[in-house]
Amino acid sequence: MPRIKSAKKKMRQTETHTARNRSQRSELRSAVKRVRSAPTPADAAKAFENAESLLDRAGRKRLVHPNTAARQKSRLAKLKVAAKK
């Protein structure tokens, strides 16, 4: 356990940040899965909008690497187009 005041504060901050990151990453993964498993093209389009927004934010906030976010958005967009055909 830390003894120094600043180390105690850093430990509290790390716990808070870890919990927030875990929650947001889980929400992101669920949104991507919803796009992939959408039963109809209309549902896929709606789910894609939500996932795209979450991916943009995650990349911007460095929750995931920005290139990873871009790659996932691209792959989901291809799935959305394929679902319309």
N, C-alpha and C. Protein backbone atom coordinates (compact mmCIF):
# COMPACT_ATOMS: atom_id res chain seq x y z
N MET A 1 0.84 -1.18 0.00
CA MET A 1 0.00 0.00 0.00
C MET A 1 0.89 1.25 0.00
N PRO A 2 0.46 2.25 -0.75
CA PRO A 2 1.26 3.47 -0.79
C PRO A 2 1.17 4.23 0.54
N ARG A 3 2.26 4.87 0.87
CA ARG A 3 2.30 5.66 2.10
C ARG A 3 2.23 7.16 1.80
N ILE A 4 2.70 7.53 0.63
CA ILE A 4 2.77 8.93 0.26
C ILE A 4 1.41 9.39 -0.27
N LYS A 5 1.02 10.60 0.09
CA LYS A 5 -0.29 11.13 -0.25
C LYS A 5 -0.54 11.12 -1.76
N SER A 6 0.45 11.54 -2.54
CA SER A 6 0.27 11.59 -4.00
C SER A 6 0.13 10.19 -4.59
N ALA A 7 0.83 9.22 -4.00
CA ALA A 7 0.71 7.84 -4.48
C ALA A 7 -0.67 7.27 -4.16
N LYS A 8 -1.21 7.64 -3.00
CA LYS A 8 -2.57 7.19 -2.63
C LYS A 8 -3.59 7.77 -3.62
N LYS A 9 -3.41 9.05 -3.95
CA LYS A 9 -4.31 9.70 -4.89
C LYS A 9 -4.21 9.04 -6.26
N LYS A 10 -3.00 8.76 -6.71
CA LYS A 10 -2.81 8.12 -8.01
C LYS A 10 -3.47 6.75 -8.04
N MET A 11 -3.41 6.03 -6.93
CA MET A 11 -4.04 4.72 -6.85
C MET A 11 -5.57 4.84 -6.98
N ARG A 12 -6.14 5.84 -6.31
CA ARG A 12 -7.59 6.07 -6.42
C ARG A 12 -7.97 6.42 -7.86
N GLN A 13 -7.17 7.28 -8.48
CA GLN A 13 -7.45 7.68 -9.86
C GLN A 13 -7.37 6.48 -10.81
N THR A 14 -6.38 5.65 -10.61
CA THR A 14 -6.20 4.47 -11.46
C THR A 14 -7.40 3.55 -11.35
N GLU A 15 -7.90 3.33 -10.14
CA GLU A 15 -9.09 2.49 -9.97
C GLU A 15 -10.28 3.07 -10.71
N THR A 16 -10.47 4.38 -10.60
CA THR A 16 -11.59 5.04 -11.27
C THR A 16 -11.46 4.92 -12.79
N HIS A 17 -10.26 5.22 -13.30
CA HIS A 17 -10.03 5.17 -14.75
C HIS A 17 -10.19 3.75 -15.28
N THR A 18 -9.69 2.77 -14.54
CA THR A 18 -9.80 1.38 -14.97
C THR A 18 -11.25 0.95 -15.07
N ALA A 19 -12.04 1.31 -14.07
CA ALA A 19 -13.46 0.95 -14.09
C ALA A 19 -14.17 1.60 -15.27
N ARG A 20 -13.88 2.87 -15.52
CA ARG A 20 -14.53 3.59 -16.62
C ARG A 20 -14.13 2.98 -17.96
N ASN A 21 -12.83 2.71 -18.13
CA ASN A 21 -12.35 2.13 -19.38
C ASN A 21 -12.97 0.76 -19.63
N ARG A 22 -13.05 -0.06 -18.59
CA ARG A 22 -13.62 -1.40 -18.73
C ARG A 22 -15.08 -1.32 -19.17
N SER A 23 -15.82 -0.40 -18.57
CA SER A 23 -17.23 -0.22 -18.91
C SER A 23 -17.39 0.24 -20.36
N GLN A 24 -16.61 1.23 -20.76
CA GLN A 24 -16.73 1.76 -22.11
C GLN A 24 -16.28 0.74 -23.15
N ARG A 25 -15.24 -0.02 -22.85
CA ARG A 25 -14.76 -1.04 -23.79
C ARG A 25 -15.81 -2.13 -23.96
N SER A 26 -16.47 -2.49 -22.87
CA SER A 26 -17.52 -3.51 -22.93
C SER A 26 -18.69 -3.00 -23.77
N GLU A 27 -19.09 -1.76 -23.56
CA GLU A 27 -20.18 -1.16 -24.34
C GLU A 27 -19.83 -1.14 -25.82
N LEU A 28 -18.58 -0.81 -26.13
CA LEU A 28 -18.11 -0.76 -27.51
C LEU A 28 -18.20 -2.14 -28.16
N ARG A 29 -17.71 -3.15 -27.47
CA ARG A 29 -17.73 -4.51 -28.02
C ARG A 29 -19.16 -4.99 -28.24
N SER A 30 -20.05 -4.66 -27.31
CA SER A 30 -21.45 -5.06 -27.45
C SER A 30 -22.09 -4.38 -28.66
N ALA A 31 -21.77 -3.12 -28.88
CA ALA A 31 -22.33 -2.39 -30.02
C ALA A 31 -21.86 -3.01 -31.33
N VAL A 32 -20.59 -3.40 -31.40
CA VAL A 32 -20.06 -4.04 -32.61
C VAL A 32 -20.76 -5.38 -32.85
N LYS A 33 -20.98 -6.12 -31.78
CA LYS A 33 -21.65 -7.42 -31.92
C LYS A 33 -23.09 -7.23 -32.39
N ARG A 34 -23.74 -6.16 -31.93
CA ARG A 34 -25.13 -5.91 -32.36
C ARG A 34 -25.20 -5.65 -33.87
N VAL A 35 -24.20 -4.99 -34.42
CA VAL A 35 -24.17 -4.75 -35.87
C VAL A 35 -24.01 -6.08 -36.60
N ARG A 36 -23.07 -6.89 -36.14
CA ARG A 36 -22.79 -8.17 -36.80
C ARG A 36 -23.97 -9.13 -36.75
N SER A 37 -24.75 -9.08 -35.67
CA SER A 37 -25.83 -10.06 -35.50
C SER A 37 -27.21 -9.47 -35.76
N ALA A 38 -27.27 -8.32 -36.42
CA ALA A 38 -28.56 -7.68 -36.69
C ALA A 38 -29.38 -8.54 -37.65
N PRO A 39 -30.65 -8.76 -37.32
CA PRO A 39 -31.48 -9.64 -38.15
C PRO A 39 -31.91 -9.03 -39.49
N THR A 40 -32.09 -7.72 -39.53
CA THR A 40 -32.52 -7.07 -40.76
C THR A 40 -31.56 -5.94 -41.14
N PRO A 41 -31.53 -5.57 -42.41
CA PRO A 41 -30.66 -4.45 -42.83
C PRO A 41 -30.98 -3.14 -42.11
N ALA A 42 -32.25 -2.91 -41.82
CA ALA A 42 -32.63 -1.68 -41.12
C ALA A 42 -32.05 -1.67 -39.71
N ASP A 43 -32.12 -2.82 -39.04
CA ASP A 43 -31.54 -2.92 -37.71
C ASP A 43 -30.02 -2.75 -37.77
N ALA A 44 -29.41 -3.32 -38.81
CA ALA A 44 -27.96 -3.22 -38.96
C ALA A 44 -27.55 -1.76 -39.16
N ALA A 45 -28.32 -1.01 -39.94
CA ALA A 45 -28.00 0.39 -40.19
C ALA A 45 -28.08 1.21 -38.90
N LYS A 46 -29.12 0.95 -38.13
CA LYS A 46 -29.29 1.68 -36.87
C LYS A 46 -28.18 1.33 -35.88
N ALA A 47 -27.88 0.04 -35.78
CA ALA A 47 -26.82 -0.41 -34.87
C ALA A 47 -25.46 0.12 -35.33
N PHE A 48 -25.28 0.22 -36.65
CA PHE A 48 -24.01 0.73 -37.19
C PHE A 48 -23.78 2.18 -36.78
N GLU A 49 -24.82 2.98 -36.82
CA GLU A 49 -24.68 4.39 -36.43
C GLU A 49 -24.19 4.51 -35.00
N ASN A 50 -24.78 3.71 -34.12
CA ASN A 50 -24.37 3.73 -32.71
C ASN A 50 -22.93 3.25 -32.56
N ALA A 51 -22.60 2.15 -33.22
CA ALA A 51 -21.25 1.59 -33.12
C ALA A 51 -20.22 2.55 -33.69
N GLU A 52 -20.57 3.20 -34.80
CA GLU A 52 -19.65 4.14 -35.42
C GLU A 52 -19.32 5.29 -34.47
N SER A 53 -20.34 5.79 -33.81
CA SER A 53 -20.15 6.87 -32.85
C SER A 53 -19.24 6.44 -31.70
N LEU A 54 -19.50 5.25 -31.17
CA LEU A 54 -18.69 4.73 -30.07
C LEU A 54 -17.25 4.48 -30.50
N LEU A 55 -17.07 3.97 -31.71
CA LEU A 55 -15.72 3.72 -32.22
C LEU A 55 -14.95 5.02 -32.41
N ASP A 56 -15.63 6.03 -32.94
CA ASP A 56 -14.98 7.34 -33.12
C ASP A 56 -14.51 7.89 -31.78
N ARG A 57 -15.38 7.83 -30.81
CA ARG A 57 -15.04 8.35 -29.48
C ARG A 57 -13.91 7.54 -28.85
N ALA A 58 -13.99 6.22 -28.97
CA ALA A 58 -12.96 5.36 -28.37
C ALA A 58 -11.60 5.64 -29.00
N GLY A 59 -11.56 5.86 -30.30
CA GLY A 59 -10.31 6.17 -30.96
C GLY A 59 -9.77 7.53 -30.56
N ARG A 60 -10.68 8.47 -30.46
CA ARG A 60 -10.28 9.83 -30.08
C ARG A 60 -9.75 9.88 -28.64
N LYS A 61 -10.37 9.11 -27.76
CA LYS A 61 -9.99 9.09 -26.35
C LYS A 61 -8.89 8.08 -26.06
N ARG A 62 -8.41 7.37 -27.11
CA ARG A 62 -7.34 6.38 -26.99
C ARG A 62 -7.75 5.17 -26.14
N LEU A 63 -9.05 4.89 -26.10
CA LEU A 63 -9.52 3.68 -25.44
C LEU A 63 -9.08 2.48 -26.28
N VAL A 64 -9.15 2.66 -27.59
CA VAL A 64 -8.54 1.72 -28.55
C VAL A 64 -7.67 2.57 -29.47
N HIS A 65 -6.76 1.94 -30.17
CA HIS A 65 -5.90 2.69 -31.09
C HIS A 65 -6.77 3.27 -32.21
N PRO A 66 -6.52 4.49 -32.62
CA PRO A 66 -7.35 5.11 -33.67
C PRO A 66 -7.41 4.29 -34.96
N ASN A 67 -6.31 3.64 -35.33
CA ASN A 67 -6.33 2.82 -36.54
C ASN A 67 -7.22 1.60 -36.36
N THR A 68 -7.26 1.04 -35.16
CA THR A 68 -8.14 -0.09 -34.87
C THR A 68 -9.59 0.34 -35.01
N ALA A 69 -9.92 1.51 -34.49
CA ALA A 69 -11.28 2.03 -34.60
C ALA A 69 -11.66 2.22 -36.07
N ALA A 70 -10.75 2.77 -36.85
CA ALA A 70 -11.02 3.00 -38.27
C ALA A 70 -11.20 1.68 -39.00
N ARG A 71 -10.37 0.70 -38.69
CA ARG A 71 -10.46 -0.61 -39.34
C ARG A 71 -11.80 -1.28 -39.01
N GLN A 72 -12.20 -1.22 -37.75
CA GLN A 72 -13.46 -1.84 -37.36
C GLN A 72 -14.65 -1.13 -38.02
N LYS A 73 -14.59 0.20 -38.10
CA LYS A 73 -15.66 0.94 -38.77
C LYS A 73 -15.76 0.52 -40.23
N SER A 74 -14.62 0.38 -40.89
CA SER A 74 -14.60 -0.01 -42.29
C SER A 74 -15.22 -1.39 -42.48
N ARG A 75 -14.84 -2.33 -41.65
CA ARG A 75 -15.37 -3.70 -41.76
C ARG A 75 -16.86 -3.74 -41.48
N LEU A 76 -17.32 -2.96 -40.51
CA LEU A 76 -18.75 -2.93 -40.21
C LEU A 76 -19.53 -2.29 -41.35
N ALA A 77 -18.96 -1.27 -41.98
CA ALA A 77 -19.62 -0.62 -43.10
C ALA A 77 -19.78 -1.61 -44.26
N LYS A 78 -18.76 -2.43 -44.50
CA LYS A 78 -18.86 -3.45 -45.54
C LYS A 78 -19.97 -4.44 -45.23
N LEU A 79 -20.08 -4.83 -43.96
CA LEU A 79 -21.13 -5.76 -43.55
C LEU A 79 -22.51 -5.14 -43.76
N LYS A 80 -22.62 -3.85 -43.44
CA LYS A 80 -23.90 -3.16 -43.58
C LYS A 80 -24.33 -3.13 -45.05
N VAL A 81 -23.38 -2.85 -45.94
CA VAL A 81 -23.68 -2.81 -47.37
C VAL A 81 -24.05 -4.20 -47.86
N ALA A 82 -23.32 -5.21 -47.41
CA ALA A 82 -23.60 -6.58 -47.83
C ALA A 82 -24.98 -7.04 -47.34
N ALA A 83 -25.40 -6.54 -46.19
CA ALA A 83 -26.70 -6.94 -45.65
C ALA A 83 -27.85 -6.36 -46.48
N LYS A 84 -27.61 -5.22 -47.13
CA LYS A 84 -28.65 -4.60 -47.96
C LYS A 84 -28.90 -5.40 -49.24
N LYS A 85 -27.85 -6.09 -49.73
CA LYS A 85 -27.97 -6.81 -51.00
C LYS A 85 -28.70 -8.10 -50.85
